[in-house]
Amino acid sequence: MTSLPFISRRSPVYGRRGTVATSQPLATAAGLEILTKGGNAADAAVAAAAALNVTEPAPPGSGVTCSLSFTPLSQGE
């Protein structure tokens, strides 16, 4: 792993067969855990959004907005 080309307070989180990005490392880890246990992108997005409800210090509203970009693999891959 190389160092980041900029100063960051965030912890980089890497996944080999999936990616989850949030504003909080613990929420990202929750989404990655779902992926490693066989969940799909929608499952990981729900887990990450749920984790953000308790890890985000000042959420923008009464809930967390969850966006999902999903590209399915073809059959057999």
PDB file of N, CA and C in Angstrom:
ATOM      1  N   MET A   1       0.839  -1.162   0.000  1.00  0.00           N
ATOM      2  CA  MET A   1       0.000   0.000   0.000  1.00  0.00           C
ATOM      3  C   MET A   1       0.892   1.236   0.000  1.00  0.00           C
ATOM      4  N   THR A   2       0.634   2.151  -0.883  1.00  0.00           N
ATOM      5  CA  THR A   2       1.435   3.372  -0.958  1.00  0.00           C
ATOM      6  C   THR A   2       0.797   4.444  -0.095  1.00  0.00           C
ATOM      7  N   SER A   3       1.580   5.433   0.245  1.00  0.00           N
ATOM      8  CA  SER A   3       1.034   6.531   1.046  1.00  0.00           C
ATOM      9  C   SER A   3       0.156   7.417   0.163  1.00  0.00           C
ATOM     10  N   LEU A   4      -0.761   8.103   0.806  1.00  0.00           N
ATOM     11  CA  LEU A   4      -1.653   8.988   0.069  1.00  0.00           C
ATOM     12  C   LEU A   4      -0.887  10.226  -0.394  1.00  0.00           C
ATOM     13  N   PRO A   5      -1.199  10.751  -1.589  1.00  0.00           N
ATOM     14  CA  PRO A   5      -0.489  11.924  -2.093  1.00  0.00           C
ATOM     15  C   PRO A   5      -0.946  13.227  -1.426  1.00  0.00           C
ATOM     16  N   PHE A   6      -1.771  13.129  -0.381  1.00  0.00           N
ATOM     17  CA  PHE A   6      -2.257  14.307   0.317  1.00  0.00           C
ATOM     18  C   PHE A   6      -2.461  13.938   1.787  1.00  0.00           C
ATOM     19  N   ILE A   7      -2.551  14.943   2.620  1.00  0.00           N
ATOM     20  CA  ILE A   7      -2.776  14.703   4.046  1.00  0.00           C
ATOM     21  C   ILE A   7      -4.262  14.445   4.266  1.00  0.00           C
ATOM     22  N   SER A   8      -4.579  13.334   4.902  1.00  0.00           N
ATOM     23  CA  SER A   8      -5.971  12.976   5.136  1.00  0.00           C
ATOM     24  C   SER A   8      -6.156  12.495   6.562  1.00  0.00           C
ATOM     25  N   ARG A   9      -7.283  12.840   7.158  1.00  0.00           N
ATOM     26  CA  ARG A   9      -7.627  12.322   8.476  1.00  0.00           C
ATOM     27  C   ARG A   9      -8.427  11.037   8.349  1.00  0.00           C
ATOM     28  N   ARG A  10      -8.815  10.686   7.159  1.00  0.00           N
ATOM     29  CA  ARG A  10      -9.622   9.490   6.931  1.00  0.00           C
ATOM     30  C   ARG A  10      -8.731   8.266   6.778  1.00  0.00           C
ATOM     31  N   SER A  11      -9.247   7.144   7.183  1.00  0.00           N
ATOM     32  CA  SER A  11      -8.516   5.889   7.029  1.00  0.00           C
ATOM     33  C   SER A  11      -8.928   5.243   5.711  1.00  0.00           C
ATOM     34  N   PRO A  12      -7.970   4.914   4.848  1.00  0.00           N
ATOM     35  CA  PRO A  12      -8.352   4.225   3.612  1.00  0.00           C
ATOM     36  C   PRO A  12      -8.802   2.802   3.933  1.00  0.00           C
ATOM     37  N   VAL A  13      -9.879   2.357   3.266  1.00  0.00           N
ATOM     38  CA  VAL A  13     -10.393   1.006   3.433  1.00  0.00           C
ATOM     39  C   VAL A  13     -10.451   0.378   2.057  1.00  0.00           C
ATOM     40  N   TYR A  14      -9.845  -0.791   1.911  1.00  0.00           N
ATOM     41  CA  TYR A  14      -9.775  -1.450   0.610  1.00  0.00           C
ATOM     42  C   TYR A  14     -10.541  -2.764   0.635  1.00  0.00           C
ATOM     43  N   GLY A  15     -11.184  -3.101  -0.476  1.00  0.00           N
ATOM     44  CA  GLY A  15     -11.847  -4.387  -0.632  1.00  0.00           C
ATOM     45  C   GLY A  15     -11.450  -4.985  -1.964  1.00  0.00           C
ATOM     46  N   ARG A  16     -11.231  -6.276  -1.994  1.00  0.00           N
ATOM     47  CA  ARG A  16     -10.772  -6.902  -3.242  1.00  0.00           C
ATOM     48  C   ARG A  16     -11.861  -7.112  -4.265  1.00  0.00           C
ATOM     49  N   ARG A  17     -13.045  -7.494  -3.907  1.00  0.00           N
ATOM     50  CA  ARG A  17     -14.080  -7.758  -4.898  1.00  0.00           C
ATOM     51  C   ARG A  17     -15.302  -6.888  -4.688  1.00  0.00           C
ATOM     52  N   GLY A  18     -15.086  -5.738  -4.122  1.00  0.00           N
ATOM     53  CA  GLY A  18     -16.176  -4.805  -3.907  1.00  0.00           C
ATOM     54  C   GLY A  18     -15.640  -3.539  -3.270  1.00  0.00           C
ATOM     55  N   THR A  19     -16.409  -2.493  -3.358  1.00  0.00           N
ATOM     56  CA  THR A  19     -15.996  -1.220  -2.788  1.00  0.00           C
ATOM     57  C   THR A  19     -17.178  -0.584  -2.078  1.00  0.00           C
ATOM     58  N   VAL A  20     -16.923  -0.032  -0.930  1.00  0.00           N
ATOM     59  CA  VAL A  20     -17.931   0.710  -0.171  1.00  0.00           C
ATOM     60  C   VAL A  20     -17.278   2.025   0.230  1.00  0.00           C
ATOM     61  N   ALA A  21     -17.963   3.122   0.010  1.00  0.00           N
ATOM     62  CA  ALA A  21     -17.409   4.430   0.379  1.00  0.00           C
ATOM     63  C   ALA A  21     -18.440   5.195   1.199  1.00  0.00           C
ATOM     64  N   THR A  22     -18.029   5.650   2.383  1.00  0.00           N
ATOM     65  CA  THR A  22     -18.881   6.488   3.228  1.00  0.00           C
ATOM     66  C   THR A  22     -18.012   7.580   3.843  1.00  0.00           C
ATOM     67  N   SER A  23     -18.624   8.423   4.625  1.00  0.00           N
ATOM     68  CA  SER A  23     -17.870   9.472   5.306  1.00  0.00           C
ATOM     69  C   SER A  23     -17.262   8.991   6.614  1.00  0.00           C
ATOM     70  N   GLN A  24     -17.573   7.778   7.037  1.00  0.00           N
ATOM     71  CA  GLN A  24     -17.065   7.237   8.298  1.00  0.00           C
ATOM     72  C   GLN A  24     -16.455   5.851   8.078  1.00  0.00           C
ATOM     73  N   PRO A  25     -15.229   5.623   8.521  1.00  0.00           N
ATOM     74  CA  PRO A  25     -14.581   4.320   8.322  1.00  0.00           C
ATOM     75  C   PRO A  25     -15.349   3.138   8.904  1.00  0.00           C
ATOM     76  N   LEU A  26     -16.011   3.310  10.047  1.00  0.00           N
ATOM     77  CA  LEU A  26     -16.768   2.190  10.622  1.00  0.00           C
ATOM     78  C   LEU A  26     -17.976   1.817   9.765  1.00  0.00           C
ATOM     79  N   ALA A  27     -18.607   2.784   9.158  1.00  0.00           N
ATOM     80  CA  ALA A  27     -19.733   2.500   8.269  1.00  0.00           C
ATOM     81  C   ALA A  27     -19.241   1.798   7.005  1.00  0.00           C
ATOM     82  N   THR A  28     -18.099   2.223   6.512  1.00  0.00           N
ATOM     83  CA  THR A  28     -17.502   1.548   5.350  1.00  0.00           C
ATOM     84  C   THR A  28     -17.183   0.100   5.702  1.00  0.00           C
ATOM     85  N   ALA A  29     -16.612  -0.119   6.880  1.00  0.00           N
ATOM     86  CA  ALA A  29     -16.284  -1.477   7.314  1.00  0.00           C
ATOM     87  C   ALA A  29     -17.537  -2.340   7.427  1.00  0.00           C
ATOM     88  N   ALA A  30     -18.654  -1.757   7.872  1.00  0.00           N
ATOM     89  CA  ALA A  30     -19.905  -2.506   7.969  1.00  0.00           C
ATOM     90  C   ALA A  30     -20.367  -2.969   6.585  1.00  0.00           C
ATOM     91  N   GLY A  31     -20.286  -2.081   5.609  1.00  0.00           N
ATOM     92  CA  GLY A  31     -20.664  -2.456   4.248  1.00  0.00           C
ATOM     93  C   GLY A  31     -19.751  -3.519   3.668  1.00  0.00           C
ATOM     94  N   LEU A  32     -18.455  -3.392   3.911  1.00  0.00           N
ATOM     95  CA  LEU A  32     -17.502  -4.395   3.419  1.00  0.00           C
ATOM     96  C   LEU A  32     -17.724  -5.753   4.080  1.00  0.00           C
ATOM     97  N   GLU A  33     -18.077  -5.745   5.348  1.00  0.00           N
ATOM     98  CA  GLU A  33     -18.336  -7.018   6.034  1.00  0.00           C
ATOM     99  C   GLU A  33     -19.517  -7.746   5.398  1.00  0.00           C
ATOM    100  N   ILE A  34     -20.542  -7.004   5.032  1.00  0.00           N
ATOM    101  CA  ILE A  34     -21.701  -7.613   4.359  1.00  0.00           C
ATOM    102  C   ILE A  34     -21.269  -8.220   3.031  1.00  0.00           C
ATOM    103  N   LEU A  35     -20.431  -7.510   2.269  1.00  0.00           N
ATOM    104  CA  LEU A  35     -19.957  -8.046   0.985  1.00  0.00           C
ATOM    105  C   LEU A  35     -19.135  -9.320   1.173  1.00  0.00           C
ATOM    106  N   THR A  36     -18.268  -9.341   2.181  1.00  0.00           N
ATOM    107  CA  THR A  36     -17.425 -10.520   2.388  1.00  0.00           C
ATOM    108  C   THR A  36     -18.224 -11.720   2.864  1.00  0.00           C
ATOM    109  N   LYS A  37     -19.392 -11.474   3.457  1.00  0.00           N
ATOM    110  CA  LYS A  37     -20.239 -12.581   3.903  1.00  0.00           C
ATOM    111  C   LYS A  37     -21.226 -13.024   2.839  1.00  0.00           C
ATOM    112  N   GLY A  38     -21.066 -12.506   1.617  1.00  0.00           N
ATOM    113  CA  GLY A  38     -21.901 -12.957   0.504  1.00  0.00           C
ATOM    114  C   GLY A  38     -23.047 -12.033   0.142  1.00  0.00           C
ATOM    115  N   GLY A  39     -23.170 -10.908   0.801  1.00  0.00           N
ATOM    116  CA  GLY A  39     -24.232  -9.967   0.468  1.00  0.00           C
ATOM    117  C   GLY A  39     -23.951  -9.246  -0.840  1.00  0.00           C
ATOM    118  N   ASN A  40     -24.972  -8.614  -1.378  1.00  0.00           N
ATOM    119  CA  ASN A  40     -24.794  -7.873  -2.631  1.00  0.00           C
ATOM    120  C   ASN A  40     -24.650  -6.381  -2.340  1.00  0.00           C
ATOM    121  N   ALA A  41     -24.567  -5.590  -3.390  1.00  0.00           N
ATOM    122  CA  ALA A  41     -24.338  -4.150  -3.233  1.00  0.00           C
ATOM    123  C   ALA A  41     -25.472  -3.471  -2.475  1.00  0.00           C
ATOM    124  N   ALA A  42     -26.708  -3.904  -2.707  1.00  0.00           N
ATOM    125  CA  ALA A  42     -27.845  -3.303  -2.002  1.00  0.00           C
ATOM    126  C   ALA A  42     -27.766  -3.618  -0.510  1.00  0.00           C
ATOM    127  N   ASP A  43     -27.411  -4.854  -0.156  1.00  0.00           N
ATOM    128  CA  ASP A  43     -27.256  -5.232   1.253  1.00  0.00           C
ATOM    129  C   ASP A  43     -26.176  -4.375   1.920  1.00  0.00           C
ATOM    130  N   ALA A  44     -25.055  -4.207   1.226  1.00  0.00           N
ATOM    131  CA  ALA A  44     -23.945  -3.418   1.772  1.00  0.00           C
ATOM    132  C   ALA A  44     -24.343  -1.955   1.936  1.00  0.00           C
ATOM    133  N   ALA A  45     -25.109  -1.415   0.992  1.00  0.00           N
ATOM    134  CA  ALA A  45     -25.545  -0.016   1.077  1.00  0.00           C
ATOM    135  C   ALA A  45     -26.466   0.191   2.274  1.00  0.00           C
ATOM    136  N   VAL A  46     -27.359  -0.755   2.521  1.00  0.00           N
ATOM    137  CA  VAL A  46     -28.265  -0.644   3.666  1.00  0.00           C
ATOM    138  C   VAL A  46     -27.470  -0.718   4.971  1.00  0.00           C
ATOM    139  N   ALA A  47     -26.512  -1.645   5.051  1.00  0.00           N
ATOM    140  CA  ALA A  47     -25.688  -1.777   6.258  1.00  0.00           C
ATOM    141  C   ALA A  47     -24.874  -0.513   6.508  1.00  0.00           C
ATOM    142  N   ALA A  48     -24.284   0.036   5.456  1.00  0.00           N
ATOM    143  CA  ALA A  48     -23.487   1.255   5.601  1.00  0.00           C
ATOM    144  C   ALA A  48     -24.367   2.429   6.020  1.00  0.00           C
ATOM    145  N   ALA A  49     -25.541   2.543   5.434  1.00  0.00           N
ATOM    146  CA  ALA A  49     -26.455   3.634   5.792  1.00  0.00           C
ATOM    147  C   ALA A  49     -26.916   3.496   7.240  1.00  0.00           C
ATOM    148  N   ALA A  50     -27.189   2.266   7.671  1.00  0.00           N
ATOM    149  CA  ALA A  50     -27.596   2.047   9.062  1.00  0.00           C
ATOM    150  C   ALA A  50     -26.460   2.419  10.018  1.00  0.00           C
ATOM    151  N   ALA A  51     -25.238   2.043   9.663  1.00  0.00           N
ATOM    152  CA  ALA A  51     -24.090   2.375  10.508  1.00  0.00           C
ATOM    153  C   ALA A  51     -23.863   3.886  10.560  1.00  0.00           C
ATOM    154  N   LEU A  52     -24.131   4.575   9.471  1.00  0.00           N
ATOM    155  CA  LEU A  52     -23.954   6.032   9.461  1.00  0.00           C
ATOM    156  C   LEU A  52     -24.902   6.724  10.440  1.00  0.00           C
ATOM    157  N   ASN A  53     -26.054   6.107  10.709  1.00  0.00           N
ATOM    158  CA  ASN A  53     -26.989   6.699  11.668  1.00  0.00           C
ATOM    159  C   ASN A  53     -26.404   6.803  13.067  1.00  0.00           C
ATOM    160  N   VAL A  54     -25.434   5.947  13.388  1.00  0.00           N
ATOM    161  CA  VAL A  54     -24.832   6.006  14.722  1.00  0.00           C
ATOM    162  C   VAL A  54     -23.397   6.522  14.715  1.00  0.00           C
ATOM    163  N   THR A  55     -22.739   6.551  13.568  1.00  0.00           N
ATOM    164  CA  THR A  55     -21.343   6.990  13.523  1.00  0.00           C
ATOM    165  C   THR A  55     -21.166   8.424  13.047  1.00  0.00           C
ATOM    166  N   GLU A  56     -22.114   8.944  12.317  1.00  0.00           N
ATOM    167  CA  GLU A  56     -22.010  10.313  11.797  1.00  0.00           C
ATOM    168  C   GLU A  56     -22.347  11.295  12.915  1.00  0.00           C
ATOM    169  N   PRO A  57     -21.430  12.192  13.283  1.00  0.00           N
ATOM    170  CA  PRO A  57     -21.682  13.082  14.408  1.00  0.00           C
ATOM    171  C   PRO A  57     -22.809  14.084  14.180  1.00  0.00           C
ATOM    172  N   ALA A  58     -22.992  14.530  12.972  1.00  0.00           N
ATOM    173  CA  ALA A  58     -24.037  15.517  12.688  1.00  0.00           C
ATOM    174  C   ALA A  58     -24.672  15.196  11.344  1.00  0.00           C
ATOM    175  N   PRO A  59     -25.594  14.233  11.301  1.00  0.00           N
ATOM    176  CA  PRO A  59     -26.214  13.899  10.025  1.00  0.00           C
ATOM    177  C   PRO A  59     -26.999  15.087   9.464  1.00  0.00           C
ATOM    178  N   PRO A  60     -27.132  15.148   8.149  1.00  0.00           N
ATOM    179  CA  PRO A  60     -27.769  16.304   7.532  1.00  0.00           C
ATOM    180  C   PRO A  60     -29.270  16.392   7.789  1.00  0.00           C
ATOM    181  N   GLY A  61     -29.885  15.337   8.267  1.00  0.00           N
ATOM    182  CA  GLY A  61     -31.328  15.369   8.511  1.00  0.00           C
ATOM    183  C   GLY A  61     -31.715  14.232   9.438  1.00  0.00           C
ATOM    184  N   SER A  62     -32.980  13.862   9.387  1.00  0.00           N
ATOM    185  CA  SER A  62     -33.455  12.817  10.290  1.00  0.00           C
ATOM    186  C   SER A  62     -33.110  11.420   9.788  1.00  0.00           C
ATOM    187  N   GLY A  63     -32.501  11.317   8.650  1.00  0.00           N
ATOM    188  CA  GLY A  63     -32.088  10.029   8.110  1.00  0.00           C
ATOM    189  C   GLY A  63     -30.850  10.228   7.271  1.00  0.00           C
ATOM    190  N   VAL A  64     -30.307   9.169   6.781  1.00  0.00           N
ATOM    191  CA  VAL A  64     -29.103   9.243   5.961  1.00  0.00           C
ATOM    192  C   VAL A  64     -29.486   8.943   4.524  1.00  0.00           C
ATOM    193  N   THR A  65     -29.043   9.787   3.617  1.00  0.00           N
ATOM    194  CA  THR A  65     -29.283   9.541   2.212  1.00  0.00           C
ATOM    195  C   THR A  65     -28.320   8.467   1.737  1.00  0.00           C
ATOM    196  N   CYS A  66     -28.836   7.520   1.023  1.00  0.00           N
ATOM    197  CA  CYS A  66     -28.011   6.401   0.557  1.00  0.00           C
ATOM    198  C   CYS A  66     -28.056   6.367  -0.958  1.00  0.00           C
ATOM    199  N   SER A  67     -26.910   6.529  -1.617  1.00  0.00           N
ATOM    200  CA  SER A  67     -26.883   6.374  -3.059  1.00  0.00           C
ATOM    201  C   SER A  67     -26.147   5.100  -3.410  1.00  0.00           C
ATOM    202  N   LEU A  68     -26.594   4.478  -4.456  1.00  0.00           N
ATOM    203  CA  LEU A  68     -26.057   3.179  -4.837  1.00  0.00           C
ATOM    204  C   LEU A  68     -25.770   3.177  -6.322  1.00  0.00           C
ATOM    205  N   SER A  69     -24.561   2.798  -6.672  1.00  0.00           N
ATOM    206  CA  SER A  69     -24.187   2.604  -8.068  1.00  0.00           C
ATOM    207  C   SER A  69     -23.877   1.130  -8.220  1.00  0.00           C
ATOM    208  N   PHE A  70     -24.670   0.432  -8.985  1.00  0.00           N
ATOM    209  CA  PHE A  70     -24.586  -1.018  -9.054  1.00  0.00           C
ATOM    210  C   PHE A  70     -24.409  -1.468 -10.499  1.00  0.00           C
ATOM    211  N   THR A  71     -23.365  -2.227 -10.753  1.00  0.00           N
ATOM    212  CA  THR A  71     -23.133  -2.794 -12.074  1.00  0.00           C
ATOM    213  C   THR A  71     -23.039  -4.306 -11.924  1.00  0.00           C
ATOM    214  N   PRO A  72     -24.080  -5.040 -12.338  1.00  0.00           N
ATOM    215  CA  PRO A  72     -24.047  -6.490 -12.163  1.00  0.00           C
ATOM    216  C   PRO A  72     -23.065  -7.152 -13.120  1.00  0.00           C
ATOM    217  N   LEU A  73     -22.471  -8.230 -12.650  1.00  0.00           N
ATOM    218  CA  LEU A  73     -21.606  -9.033 -13.513  1.00  0.00           C
ATOM    219  C   LEU A  73     -22.461  -9.907 -14.402  1.00  0.00           C
ATOM    220  N   SER A  74     -21.953 -10.287 -15.556  1.00  0.00           N
ATOM    221  CA  SER A  74     -22.706 -11.213 -16.388  1.00  0.00           C
ATOM    222  C   SER A  74     -22.736 -12.594 -15.739  1.00  0.00           C
ATOM    223  N   GLN A  75     -23.657 -13.403 -16.171  1.00  0.00           N
ATOM    224  CA  GLN A  75     -23.769 -14.763 -15.623  1.00  0.00           C
ATOM    225  C   GLN A  75     -22.469 -15.516 -15.847  1.00  0.00           C
ATOM    226  N   GLY A  76     -22.054 -16.262 -14.850  1.00  0.00           N
ATOM    227  CA  GLY A  76     -20.853 -17.088 -14.984  1.00  0.00           C
ATOM    228  C   GLY A  76     -19.565 -16.400 -14.613  1.00  0.00           C
ATOM    229  N   GLU A  77     -19.591 -15.126 -14.287  1.00  0.00           N
ATOM    230  CA  GLU A  77     -18.353 -14.427 -13.902  1.00  0.00           C
ATOM    231  C   GLU A  77     -18.238 -14.365 -12.402  1.00  0.00           C
TER     232      GLU A  77
END
